[in-house]
Amino acid sequence: MSSTITGLAMDTQQLAQLKTDSQHRPEEAAKAAATQFEALFLQQMMKSMREAGGDSVFFNSNAMKTYTEMFDQQMSSELASKGIGLADRLFAQLQQKP
């Protein structure tokens, strides 16, 4: 099993590797793609929640914005690896034959 299938791909190089791996192991690739989508969904949700909270005068620097983006990305990856159920439903949908 490749590291792309087991890990979370957040850059284009890893996504290209996932595409290549999907030709050899389509079920594992579908599961990884569903997990990727769940991670991106969670990251966008966390970003929206953070923006809705308003800006803090104490934490309104470029360094803090970079930190929170990295933190949100890591947290969304961790949450998606444990699963909130969305990836499971997407995987089931991808496995259905037309």
Protein backbone atom coordinates (compact mmCIF):
# COMPACT_ATOMS: atom_id res chain seq x y z
CA MET A 1 0.00 0.00 0.00
CA SER A 2 1.47 3.37 -0.99
CA SER A 3 1.87 6.34 1.33
CA THR A 4 -0.61 8.28 -0.80
CA ILE A 5 -3.32 5.73 -0.11
CA THR A 6 -2.62 5.58 3.61
CA GLY A 7 -1.89 9.29 4.12
CA LEU A 8 -3.79 12.40 3.29
CA ALA A 9 -2.88 14.20 0.08
CA MET A 10 -3.05 17.95 0.43
CA ASP A 11 -0.88 18.94 -2.54
CA THR A 12 -1.06 18.38 -6.29
CA GLN A 13 1.89 15.98 -6.43
CA GLN A 14 0.27 13.60 -3.95
CA LEU A 15 -3.07 13.92 -5.74
CA ALA A 16 -1.37 12.96 -9.02
CA GLN A 17 0.10 9.92 -7.27
CA LEU A 18 -3.35 9.02 -5.98
CA LYS A 19 -4.67 9.18 -9.54
CA THR A 20 -1.91 6.82 -10.72
CA ASP A 21 -2.53 4.45 -7.82
CA SER A 22 -6.25 4.38 -8.61
CA GLN A 23 -5.54 2.46 -11.80
CA HIS A 24 -3.92 -0.37 -9.82
CA ARG A 25 -6.02 -0.32 -6.63
CA PRO A 26 -9.35 1.38 -7.44
CA GLU A 27 -11.09 0.48 -4.17
CA GLU A 28 -8.27 1.84 -2.00
CA ALA A 29 -8.04 4.94 -4.18
CA ALA A 30 -11.79 5.58 -3.86
CA LYS A 31 -11.51 5.28 -0.09
CA ALA A 32 -8.55 7.69 -0.06
CA ALA A 33 -10.39 10.16 -2.31
CA ALA A 34 -13.41 10.08 -0.01
CA THR A 35 -11.15 10.74 2.98
CA GLN A 36 -9.49 13.61 1.11
CA PHE A 37 -12.87 15.16 0.40
CA GLU A 38 -13.85 14.82 4.05
CA ALA A 39 -10.61 16.53 5.11
CA LEU A 40 -11.14 19.41 2.68
CA PHE A 41 -14.75 19.76 3.79
CA LEU A 42 -13.68 19.92 7.44
CA GLN A 43 -10.93 22.42 6.64
CA GLN A 44 -13.37 24.73 4.86
CA MET A 45 -15.86 24.37 7.70
CA MET A 46 -13.22 25.26 10.30
CA LYS A 47 -12.08 28.24 8.20
CA SER A 48 -15.66 29.50 7.91
CA MET A 49 -16.24 29.08 11.64
CA ARG A 50 -13.04 30.98 12.42
CA GLU A 51 -14.01 33.83 10.06
CA ALA A 52 -17.49 34.03 11.58
CA GLY A 53 -15.96 34.59 15.00
CA GLY A 54 -14.52 37.94 13.98
CA ASP A 55 -10.97 39.25 14.15
CA SER A 56 -9.11 39.52 17.39
CA VAL A 57 -6.85 42.54 17.86
CA PHE A 58 -4.38 40.35 19.74
CA PHE A 59 -4.04 37.64 17.09
CA ASN A 60 -4.40 39.64 13.87
CA SER A 61 -0.91 39.20 12.38
CA ASN A 62 0.26 37.44 9.23
CA ALA A 63 2.16 34.91 11.34
CA MET A 64 -0.97 34.09 13.34
CA LYS A 65 -3.05 33.75 10.16
CA THR A 66 -0.47 31.34 8.74
CA TYR A 67 -0.43 29.39 11.99
CA THR A 68 -4.22 29.07 12.12
CA GLU A 69 -4.37 27.95 8.47
CA MET A 70 -1.76 25.27 9.17
CA PHE A 71 -3.53 24.29 12.39
CA ASP A 72 -6.89 24.01 10.61
CA GLN A 73 -5.33 21.89 7.87
CA GLN A 74 -3.71 19.53 10.36
CA MET A 75 -6.84 19.28 12.51
CA SER A 76 -9.04 18.58 9.49
CA SER A 77 -6.64 15.85 8.36
CA GLU A 78 -6.67 14.28 11.81
CA LEU A 79 -10.45 14.48 12.10
CA ALA A 80 -10.88 12.99 8.63
CA SER A 81 -8.51 10.13 9.39
CA LYS A 82 -10.74 9.19 12.34
CA GLY A 83 -13.84 9.88 10.26
CA ILE A 84 -17.03 11.79 10.84
CA GLY A 85 -19.04 9.53 8.54
CA LEU A 86 -18.93 11.64 5.39
CA ALA A 87 -16.08 9.66 3.79
CA ASP A 88 -17.90 6.39 4.47
CA ARG A 89 -21.04 7.65 2.72
CA LEU A 90 -19.02 9.00 -0.22
CA PHE A 91 -17.12 5.71 -0.55
CA ALA A 92 -20.39 3.76 -0.54
CA GLN A 93 -21.75 6.07 -3.23
CA LEU A 94 -18.61 5.67 -5.35
CA GLN A 95 -18.88 1.87 -5.10
CA GLN A 96 -22.42 1.76 -6.48
CA LYS A 97 -22.62 0.57 -10.06
CA PRO A 98 -24.78 2.65 -12.44
